[in-house]
């Protein structure tokens, strides 16, 4: 604040000095002549320089800012926060126990005086014997013996009747039937050689060697069953015999 006031006073003083009229120096008078009065001309004050104007504006802004800071410090920073309320501590007063009375002197107790009572003797009463009737114990009634339940007669089951065994009737043998395809096969069969033997006869047919019971053709189920000197005997699956002469 003091700096701003001094700047304002200095500017006002300079302004006053600039506006004061300057007296012109009197011209030297000629010797022997009377000096005529000189008229004073008022000097106009020059315009305020820009530097002074800038200083005035800066001082005004600084003054406004400082006033705002002072107001803020006065209203907000100056007020201290309320101190927290201190908790109230309740101190319980100690309980003072009442003093127990001091034990007094123990009084001696005197035993009571027992006065003997007079003894009265009564004569014994006569004893009268009373005969009680005999106690009769009731005899329990005999419990009747349980009647056995009638035993049911055993049920005799008849032996099962054996069922007659089913009679299996063998099917009647079918008579063997000649197969025409076998005849055609035998006609085309080519016999190359025969070895007659009682134990192991052999026959060469279609360039193959066959013995007894060998299958000659699987499709026709044709089998060689016997070899004679003049013929060969074959049999098919039905048992029909075929003869091929040599």
Protein backbone atom coordinates (compact mmCIF):
# COMPACT_ATOMS: atom_id res chain seq x y z
CA UNK A 1 0.00 0.00 0.00
CA UNK A 2 2.79 2.45 0.89
CA UNK A 3 4.60 1.88 -2.42
CA UNK A 4 1.44 2.57 -4.41
CA UNK A 5 0.72 5.76 -2.44
CA UNK A 6 4.27 7.02 -2.95
CA UNK A 7 4.03 6.34 -6.70
CA UNK A 8 0.73 8.23 -6.89
CA UNK A 9 2.12 11.20 -4.92
CA UNK A 10 5.24 11.30 -7.09
CA UNK A 11 3.19 11.32 -10.28
CA UNK A 12 0.94 14.10 -8.94
CA UNK A 13 3.96 16.18 -7.89
CA UNK A 14 5.57 15.80 -11.30
CA UNK A 15 2.31 16.74 -12.94
CA UNK A 16 2.06 19.90 -10.80
CA UNK A 17 5.60 20.94 -11.62
CA UNK A 18 4.99 20.47 -15.34
CA UNK A 19 1.83 22.59 -15.24
CA UNK A 20 3.55 25.60 -13.39
CA UNK A 21 4.28 28.60 -15.78
CA UNK A 22 7.89 29.33 -16.52
CA UNK A 23 8.85 33.02 -16.33
CA UNK A 24 10.91 34.12 -19.30
CA UNK A 25 14.17 35.84 -18.59
CA UNK A 26 13.92 39.64 -19.06
CA UNK A 27 15.78 41.06 -22.00
CA UNK A 28 18.59 43.41 -21.11
CA UNK A 29 17.51 47.04 -21.40
CA UNK A 30 19.45 49.59 -23.25
CA UNK A 31 21.33 52.03 -21.16
CA UNK A 32 19.39 55.15 -20.46
CA UNK A 33 16.04 53.62 -21.36
CA UNK A 34 13.31 52.69 -19.02
CA UNK A 35 12.38 49.06 -18.79
CA UNK A 36 8.96 48.26 -20.07
CA UNK A 37 6.84 45.70 -18.30
CA UNK A 38 7.05 42.23 -19.81
CA UNK A 39 3.87 40.28 -20.28
CA UNK A 40 3.90 36.69 -18.94
CA UNK A 41 2.66 33.95 -21.28
CA UNK A 42 1.05 30.94 -19.62
CA UNK A 43 2.69 27.68 -20.64
CA UNK A 44 0.40 24.82 -21.45
CA UNK A 45 1.18 21.53 -19.67
CA UNK A 46 2.38 18.78 -21.95
CA UNK A 47 0.29 15.60 -22.17
CA UNK A 48 0.91 12.87 -19.63
CA UNK A 49 3.69 10.59 -20.81
CA UNK A 50 2.90 6.88 -21.57
CA UNK A 51 5.27 5.68 -18.90
CA UNK A 52 3.37 7.54 -16.20
CA UNK A 53 0.07 6.15 -17.47
CA UNK A 54 1.42 2.58 -17.41
CA UNK A 55 2.67 3.10 -13.86
CA UNK A 56 -0.73 4.37 -12.77
CA UNK A 57 -2.56 1.41 -14.34
CA UNK A 58 -0.09 -1.08 -12.85
CA UNK A 59 -0.42 0.52 -9.44
CA UNK A 60 -4.22 0.35 -9.64
CA UNK A 61 -4.17 -3.36 -10.59
CA UNK A 62 -1.70 -4.13 -7.80
CA UNK A 63 -3.88 -2.22 -5.34
CA UNK A 64 -6.97 -4.21 -6.43
CA UNK A 65 -5.15 -7.54 -6.11
CA UNK A 66 -3.78 -6.71 -2.67
CA UNK A 67 -7.22 -5.62 -1.50
CA UNK A 68 -8.67 -8.98 -2.66
CA UNK A 69 -5.91 -10.91 -0.89
CA UNK A 70 -6.50 -8.98 2.33
CA UNK A 71 -10.24 -9.64 2.17
CA UNK A 72 -9.63 -13.36 1.58
CA UNK A 73 -7.18 -13.59 4.49
CA UNK A 74 -9.54 -11.66 6.74
CA UNK A 75 -12.66 -13.74 6.08
CA UNK A 76 -11.26 -17.22 5.43
CA UNK A 77 -7.70 -17.60 6.66
CA UNK A 78 -8.32 -15.59 9.81
CA UNK A 79 -11.17 -17.81 11.00
CA UNK A 80 -9.68 -20.83 12.73
CA UNK A 81 -11.59 -24.17 12.63
CA UNK A 82 -13.54 -25.03 15.68
CA UNK A 83 -11.61 -27.24 18.00
CA UNK A 84 -13.12 -30.71 18.38
CA UNK A 85 -15.24 -31.14 21.44
CA UNK A 86 -13.40 -32.86 24.17
CA UNK A 87 -15.05 -36.09 25.32
CA UNK A 88 -16.65 -35.87 28.69
CA UNK A 89 -14.92 -38.24 31.03
CA UNK A 90 -17.17 -39.48 33.79
CA UNK A 91 -15.16 -40.49 36.78
CA UNK A 92 -17.04 -42.88 38.99
CA UNK A 93 -16.56 -42.17 42.62
CA UNK A 94 -15.11 -45.12 44.51
CA UNK A 95 -17.54 -47.04 46.66
CA UNK A 96 -16.51 -46.74 50.26
CA UNK A 97 -17.37 -49.86 52.22
CA UNK A 98 -19.07 -49.21 55.50
CA UNK A 99 -16.87 -50.16 58.42
CA UNK A 100 -18.00 -53.34 60.04
CA UNK A 101 -18.75 -53.01 63.73
CA UNK A 102 -16.03 -54.19 65.98
CA UNK A 103 -16.89 -57.43 67.76
CA UNK A 104 -17.94 -56.76 71.30
CA UNK A 105 -16.94 -58.83 74.30
CA UNK A 106 -18.40 -62.34 74.25
CA UNK A 107 -20.85 -62.89 77.07
CA UNK A 108 -20.51 -66.18 78.85
CA UNK A 109 -23.72 -68.25 78.68
CA UNK A 110 -24.66 -70.07 81.83
CA UNK A 111 -26.18 -73.54 81.38
CA UNK A 112 -29.84 -73.77 82.39
CA UNK A 113 -30.66 -75.48 85.64
CA UNK A 114 -32.42 -78.83 85.04
CA UNK A 115 -35.01 -79.66 87.65
CA UNK A 116 -35.60 -83.44 87.96
CA UNK A 117 -39.25 -84.42 87.41
CA UNK A 118 -40.85 -86.88 89.84
CA UNK A 119 -40.91 -90.52 88.66
CA UNK A 120 -44.43 -92.04 88.66
CA UNK A 121 -44.50 -95.87 88.82
CA UNK A 122 -47.61 -97.46 87.24
CA UNK A 123 -48.57 -101.06 88.01
CA UNK A 124 -48.32 -103.51 85.09
CA UNK A 125 -51.60 -104.20 83.26
CA UNK A 126 -52.76 -107.83 83.06
CA UNK A 127 -51.95 -109.61 79.79
CA UNK A 128 -55.08 -110.99 78.02
CA UNK A 129 -54.39 -113.67 75.38
CA UNK A 130 -56.66 -113.42 72.36
CA UNK A 131 -56.85 -116.37 69.95
CA UNK A 132 -57.07 -115.26 66.38
CA UNK A 133 -58.90 -117.42 63.85
CA UNK A 134 -56.59 -119.36 61.49
CA UNK A 135 -55.86 -117.66 58.27
CA UNK A 136 -57.30 -119.68 55.41
CA UNK A 137 -55.27 -119.35 52.23
CA UNK A 138 -57.54 -119.66 49.21
CA UNK A 139 -56.56 -122.53 46.96
CA UNK A 140 -56.30 -121.46 43.33
CA UNK A 141 -58.72 -123.17 40.99
CA UNK A 142 -57.08 -125.80 38.77
CA UNK A 143 -56.22 -124.50 35.35
CA UNK A 144 -57.89 -126.62 32.67
CA UNK A 145 -55.46 -128.40 30.42
CA UNK A 146 -55.33 -126.96 26.93
CA UNK A 147 -57.26 -128.99 24.43
CA UNK A 148 -54.94 -129.95 21.58
CA UNK A 149 -56.05 -128.70 18.22
CA UNK A 150 -57.11 -131.40 15.81
CA UNK A 151 -54.28 -132.43 13.55
CA UNK A 152 -55.33 -132.31 9.92
CA UNK A 153 -55.04 -135.57 8.09
CA UNK A 154 -52.09 -135.73 5.74
CA UNK A 155 -52.98 -135.10 2.17
CA UNK A 156 -52.03 -138.06 0.05
CA UNK A 157 -51.01 -136.94 -3.38
CA UNK A 158 -51.39 -139.39 -6.18
CA UNK A 159 -48.18 -140.19 -8.01
CA UNK A 160 -47.94 -138.44 -11.32
CA UNK A 161 -49.07 -140.50 -14.25
CA UNK A 162 -46.12 -141.02 -16.53
CA UNK A 163 -46.69 -139.63 -19.95
CA UNK A 164 -46.21 -142.06 -22.76
CA UNK A 165 -43.00 -141.51 -24.62
CA UNK A 166 -43.57 -140.18 -28.10
CA UNK A 167 -43.19 -142.82 -30.72
CA UNK A 168 -40.64 -141.75 -33.26
CA UNK A 169 -41.60 -143.14 -36.59
CA UNK A 170 -38.59 -143.26 -38.82
CA UNK A 171 -39.28 -141.84 -42.23
CA UNK A 172 -39.71 -144.36 -44.94
CA UNK A 173 -36.53 -144.75 -46.91
CA UNK A 174 -36.69 -143.13 -50.24
CA UNK A 175 -35.83 -145.18 -53.21
CA UNK A 176 -32.68 -143.95 -54.92
CA UNK A 177 -33.35 -142.18 -58.17
CA UNK A 178 -30.90 -142.05 -61.03
CA UNK A 179 -29.49 -138.68 -61.99
CA UNK A 180 -29.28 -138.12 -65.76
CA UNK A 181 -26.34 -135.74 -65.30
CA UNK A 182 -24.30 -138.61 -63.86
CA UNK A 183 -24.85 -140.64 -66.99
CA UNK A 184 -23.62 -137.77 -69.12
CA UNK A 185 -20.55 -137.41 -66.88
CA UNK A 186 -19.77 -141.15 -67.10
CA UNK A 187 -20.03 -141.12 -70.88
CA UNK A 188 -17.42 -138.36 -71.05
CA UNK A 189 -15.22 -139.93 -68.36
CA UNK A 190 -11.94 -141.15 -69.81
CA UNK A 191 -10.36 -144.17 -68.06
CA UNK A 192 -6.62 -144.52 -68.73
CA UNK A 193 -5.77 -147.49 -66.49
CA UNK A 194 -7.06 -149.82 -63.83
CA UNK A 195 -5.11 -151.63 -61.13
CA UNK A 196 -7.23 -154.39 -59.62
CA UNK A 197 -6.21 -155.30 -56.12
CA UNK A 198 -7.94 -156.89 -53.17
CA UNK A 199 -6.54 -154.32 -50.74
CA UNK A 200 -5.90 -151.09 -52.64
CA UNK A 201 -7.33 -150.91 -56.14
CA UNK A 202 -6.55 -147.76 -58.15
CA UNK A 203 -8.06 -146.24 -61.30
CA UNK A 204 -6.60 -143.54 -63.54
CA UNK A 205 -9.43 -141.31 -64.83
CA UNK A 206 -9.01 -137.98 -66.61
CA UNK A 207 -5.26 -138.15 -65.83
CA UNK A 208 -5.90 -138.48 -62.09
CA UNK A 209 -5.51 -141.44 -59.71
CA UNK A 210 -8.58 -142.41 -57.63
CA UNK A 211 -8.94 -145.03 -54.90
CA UNK A 212 -12.04 -146.55 -53.33
CA UNK A 213 -14.48 -144.05 -51.75
CA UNK A 214 -12.78 -141.09 -53.47
CA UNK A 215 -15.13 -138.43 -54.83
CA UNK A 216 -14.80 -138.29 -58.55
CA UNK A 217 -17.01 -135.16 -59.03
CA UNK A 218 -17.87 -132.79 -56.18
CA UNK A 219 -20.81 -131.19 -57.94
CA UNK A 220 -22.58 -134.50 -58.52
CA UNK A 221 -21.28 -136.03 -55.28
CA UNK A 222 -20.19 -139.03 -57.35
CA UNK A 223 -18.02 -141.55 -55.49
CA UNK A 224 -16.03 -144.65 -56.62
CA UNK A 225 -17.24 -147.62 -54.54
CA UNK A 226 -16.00 -150.72 -56.35
CA UNK A 227 -13.52 -151.81 -59.02
CA UNK A 228 -14.14 -154.98 -61.04
CA UNK A 229 -12.19 -156.47 -63.86
CA UNK A 230 -14.87 -155.53 -66.37
CA UNK A 231 -16.59 -152.47 -64.87
CA UNK A 232 -16.36 -149.56 -62.42
CA UNK A 233 -19.19 -149.01 -59.90
CA UNK A 234 -20.06 -145.43 -58.76
CA UNK A 235 -22.66 -144.13 -56.28
CA UNK A 236 -24.21 -140.66 -55.75
CA UNK A 237 -25.58 -138.97 -52.61
CA UNK A 238 -28.95 -140.73 -52.87
CA UNK A 239 -27.27 -144.18 -52.95
CA UNK A 240 -28.07 -144.94 -56.55
CA UNK A 241 -25.33 -147.04 -58.15
CA UNK A 242 -23.97 -146.40 -61.64
CA UNK A 243 -21.94 -148.85 -63.73
CA UNK A 244 -19.35 -147.99 -66.33
CA UNK A 245 -18.02 -150.81 -68.45
CA UNK A 246 -14.33 -151.00 -69.22
